[in-house]
């Protein structure tokens, strides 16, 4: 459902997160039925997207902390 005809690495992480949230919300609300193997696939995709997003955020925080540390030294 999230991938369509695309490979898993061709779908942008932001799209995976948005589509997974909508799909899992619909599944939990009983609006969509999925077999367990499909459900597990749909857990794996957002987990991977969230891990990559977290890694990117950590890198941004580290860069900001380094920049802040450099400014403190200069003052």
N, C-alpha and C. Protein backbone atom coordinates (compact mmCIF):
# COMPACT_ATOMS: atom_id res chain seq x y z
N UNK A 1 0.82 -1.19 0.00
CA UNK A 1 0.00 0.00 0.00
C UNK A 1 0.86 1.26 0.00
N UNK A 2 1.91 1.26 0.81
CA UNK A 2 2.78 2.44 0.88
C UNK A 2 3.69 2.49 -0.34
N UNK A 3 4.20 1.35 -0.73
CA UNK A 3 5.18 1.31 -1.81
C UNK A 3 4.57 1.46 -3.19
N UNK A 4 3.40 0.93 -3.38
CA UNK A 4 2.84 0.89 -4.73
C UNK A 4 3.71 -0.02 -5.59
N UNK A 5 4.16 0.46 -6.72
CA UNK A 5 5.03 -0.33 -7.60
C UNK A 5 6.50 0.03 -7.42
N UNK A 6 6.81 0.80 -6.39
CA UNK A 6 8.19 1.26 -6.17
C UNK A 6 8.96 0.32 -5.25
N UNK A 7 10.27 0.41 -5.35
CA UNK A 7 11.12 -0.32 -4.41
C UNK A 7 11.11 0.43 -3.08
N UNK A 8 11.42 -0.26 -1.98
CA UNK A 8 11.36 0.34 -0.65
C UNK A 8 12.25 1.56 -0.52
N UNK A 9 13.40 1.57 -1.22
CA UNK A 9 14.33 2.69 -1.08
C UNK A 9 14.03 3.83 -2.05
N UNK A 10 12.97 3.71 -2.84
CA UNK A 10 12.59 4.77 -3.77
C UNK A 10 11.52 5.69 -3.19
N UNK A 11 11.00 5.32 -2.02
CA UNK A 11 9.94 6.11 -1.40
C UNK A 11 10.58 7.04 -0.36
N UNK A 12 10.35 8.34 -0.46
CA UNK A 12 10.93 9.28 0.50
C UNK A 12 10.45 8.98 1.93
N UNK A 13 11.35 9.15 2.89
CA UNK A 13 11.03 8.86 4.28
C UNK A 13 9.81 9.63 4.78
N UNK A 14 9.69 10.89 4.39
CA UNK A 14 8.54 11.69 4.84
C UNK A 14 7.23 11.09 4.34
N UNK A 15 7.24 10.60 3.12
CA UNK A 15 6.04 9.95 2.56
C UNK A 15 5.75 8.65 3.30
N UNK A 16 6.79 7.88 3.60
CA UNK A 16 6.61 6.63 4.35
C UNK A 16 5.98 6.93 5.70
N UNK A 17 6.52 7.92 6.41
CA UNK A 17 5.99 8.24 7.74
C UNK A 17 4.53 8.67 7.67
N UNK A 18 4.19 9.53 6.72
CA UNK A 18 2.81 10.01 6.60
C UNK A 18 1.85 8.89 6.20
N UNK A 19 2.25 8.10 5.20
CA UNK A 19 1.38 7.01 4.73
C UNK A 19 1.25 5.92 5.79
N UNK A 20 2.34 5.61 6.48
CA UNK A 20 2.30 4.59 7.52
C UNK A 20 1.40 5.02 8.67
N UNK A 21 1.48 6.28 9.05
CA UNK A 21 0.62 6.78 10.12
C UNK A 21 -0.85 6.65 9.73
N UNK A 22 -1.18 7.05 8.52
CA UNK A 22 -2.57 6.95 8.05
C UNK A 22 -3.02 5.50 7.98
N UNK A 23 -2.17 4.64 7.44
CA UNK A 23 -2.52 3.23 7.29
C UNK A 23 -2.68 2.54 8.63
N UNK A 24 -1.74 2.75 9.54
CA UNK A 24 -1.81 2.08 10.84
C UNK A 24 -2.96 2.63 11.68
N UNK A 25 -3.26 3.92 11.54
CA UNK A 25 -4.42 4.49 12.23
C UNK A 25 -5.71 3.86 11.71
N UNK A 26 -5.81 3.72 10.40
CA UNK A 26 -6.99 3.08 9.81
C UNK A 26 -7.09 1.62 10.23
N UNK A 27 -5.96 0.93 10.29
CA UNK A 27 -5.97 -0.47 10.71
C UNK A 27 -6.41 -0.59 12.16
N UNK A 28 -5.88 0.26 13.02
CA UNK A 28 -6.24 0.20 14.44
C UNK A 28 -7.71 0.59 14.65
N UNK A 29 -8.24 1.43 13.79
CA UNK A 29 -9.64 1.84 13.88
C UNK A 29 -10.59 0.86 13.22
N UNK A 30 -10.06 -0.20 12.64
CA UNK A 30 -10.90 -1.21 12.01
C UNK A 30 -11.37 -0.84 10.61
N UNK A 31 -10.84 0.25 10.06
CA UNK A 31 -11.26 0.68 8.73
C UNK A 31 -10.55 -0.09 7.62
N UNK A 32 -9.38 -0.65 7.94
CA UNK A 32 -8.57 -1.39 6.96
C UNK A 32 -8.18 -2.72 7.60
N UNK A 33 -8.25 -3.77 6.81
CA UNK A 33 -7.80 -5.08 7.29
C UNK A 33 -6.52 -5.45 6.56
N UNK A 34 -5.56 -5.97 7.31
CA UNK A 34 -4.30 -6.43 6.72
C UNK A 34 -3.92 -7.77 7.32
N UNK A 35 -3.32 -8.61 6.50
CA UNK A 35 -2.80 -9.87 6.99
C UNK A 35 -1.53 -9.58 7.79
N UNK A 36 -1.19 -10.46 8.70
CA UNK A 36 -0.01 -10.22 9.55
C UNK A 36 1.27 -9.97 8.76
N UNK A 37 1.59 -10.76 7.74
CA UNK A 37 2.84 -10.46 7.01
C UNK A 37 2.85 -9.05 6.42
N UNK A 38 1.73 -8.60 5.89
CA UNK A 38 1.65 -7.25 5.35
C UNK A 38 1.81 -6.22 6.47
N UNK A 39 1.17 -6.50 7.61
CA UNK A 39 1.27 -5.59 8.74
C UNK A 39 2.71 -5.46 9.20
N UNK A 40 3.43 -6.57 9.24
CA UNK A 40 4.83 -6.52 9.65
C UNK A 40 5.66 -5.72 8.66
N UNK A 41 5.36 -5.87 7.37
CA UNK A 41 6.05 -5.06 6.35
C UNK A 41 5.81 -3.58 6.61
N UNK A 42 4.59 -3.24 6.97
CA UNK A 42 4.25 -1.84 7.18
C UNK A 42 4.79 -1.31 8.51
N UNK A 43 5.18 -2.18 9.40
CA UNK A 43 5.90 -1.74 10.60
C UNK A 43 7.37 -1.50 10.25
N UNK A 44 7.92 -2.33 9.40
CA UNK A 44 9.34 -2.22 9.06
C UNK A 44 9.64 -0.93 8.31
N UNK A 45 8.80 -0.56 7.37
CA UNK A 45 9.04 0.66 6.58
C UNK A 45 9.09 1.92 7.44
N UNK A 46 8.08 2.17 8.30
CA UNK A 46 8.16 3.39 9.11
C UNK A 46 9.28 3.34 10.14
N UNK A 47 9.58 2.15 10.64
CA UNK A 47 10.69 2.03 11.60
C UNK A 47 11.99 2.46 10.94
N UNK A 48 12.24 1.98 9.74
CA UNK A 48 13.44 2.38 9.01
C UNK A 48 13.44 3.88 8.73
N UNK A 49 12.31 4.42 8.32
CA UNK A 49 12.22 5.87 8.05
C UNK A 49 12.46 6.67 9.32
N UNK A 50 11.91 6.21 10.44
CA UNK A 50 12.11 6.92 11.70
C UNK A 50 13.56 6.84 12.16
N UNK A 51 14.20 5.70 11.97
CA UNK A 51 15.62 5.57 12.33
C UNK A 51 16.48 6.53 11.52
N UNK A 52 16.21 6.61 10.21
CA UNK A 52 16.98 7.53 9.37
C UNK A 52 16.71 8.98 9.76
N UNK A 53 15.46 9.29 10.07
CA UNK A 53 15.10 10.66 10.47
C UNK A 53 15.78 11.01 11.80
N UNK A 54 15.77 10.08 12.73
CA UNK A 54 16.43 10.30 14.02
C UNK A 54 17.92 10.52 13.83
N UNK A 55 18.54 9.72 12.98
CA UNK A 55 19.97 9.89 12.72
C UNK A 55 20.27 11.27 12.13
N UNK A 56 19.43 11.74 11.22
CA UNK A 56 19.61 13.06 10.62
C UNK A 56 19.44 14.16 11.67
N UNK A 57 18.43 14.00 12.54
CA UNK A 57 18.22 14.99 13.60
C UNK A 57 19.38 15.02 14.58
N UNK A 58 19.91 13.85 14.91
CA UNK A 58 21.07 13.78 15.81
C UNK A 58 22.27 14.50 15.20
N UNK A 59 22.47 14.33 13.91
CA UNK A 59 23.58 15.01 13.23
C UNK A 59 23.38 16.52 13.26
N UNK A 60 22.15 16.98 13.06
CA UNK A 60 21.87 18.41 13.10
C UNK A 60 22.09 18.96 14.50
N UNK A 61 21.67 18.24 15.51
CA UNK A 61 21.87 18.68 16.90
C UNK A 61 23.36 18.73 17.21
N UNK A 62 24.11 17.72 16.80
CA UNK A 62 25.55 17.71 17.04
C UNK A 62 26.22 18.91 16.36
N UNK A 63 25.80 19.22 15.14
CA UNK A 63 26.37 20.37 14.43
C UNK A 63 26.03 21.67 15.15
N UNK A 64 24.81 21.80 15.63
CA UNK A 64 24.42 23.00 16.36
C UNK A 64 25.18 23.11 17.69
N UNK A 65 25.35 21.97 18.37
CA UNK A 65 26.10 21.98 19.63
C UNK A 65 27.56 22.35 19.38
N UNK A 66 28.13 21.84 18.31
CA UNK A 66 29.51 22.19 17.96
C UNK A 66 29.61 23.68 17.64
N UNK A 67 28.64 24.19 16.92
CA UNK A 67 28.63 25.61 16.58
C UNK A 67 28.48 26.45 17.84
N UNK A 68 27.63 26.04 18.74
CA UNK A 68 27.43 26.75 20.00
C UNK A 68 28.71 26.71 20.84
N UNK A 69 29.37 25.55 20.86
CA UNK A 69 30.63 25.42 21.59
C UNK A 69 31.70 26.32 21.03
N UNK A 70 31.76 26.46 19.72
CA UNK A 70 32.73 27.33 19.06
C UNK A 70 32.46 28.78 19.41
N UNK A 71 31.20 29.18 19.47
CA UNK A 71 30.85 30.56 19.81
C UNK A 71 31.23 30.87 21.26
N UNK A 72 31.06 29.91 22.15
CA UNK A 72 31.41 30.13 23.54
C UNK A 72 32.90 30.35 23.72
N UNK A 73 33.69 29.61 22.94
CA UNK A 73 35.14 29.73 23.00
C UNK A 73 35.56 31.12 22.49
N UNK A 74 34.91 31.61 21.43
CA UNK A 74 35.24 32.90 20.84
C UNK A 74 34.90 34.06 21.76
N UNK A 75 33.86 33.91 22.58
CA UNK A 75 33.44 35.00 23.45
C UNK A 75 34.35 35.05 24.60
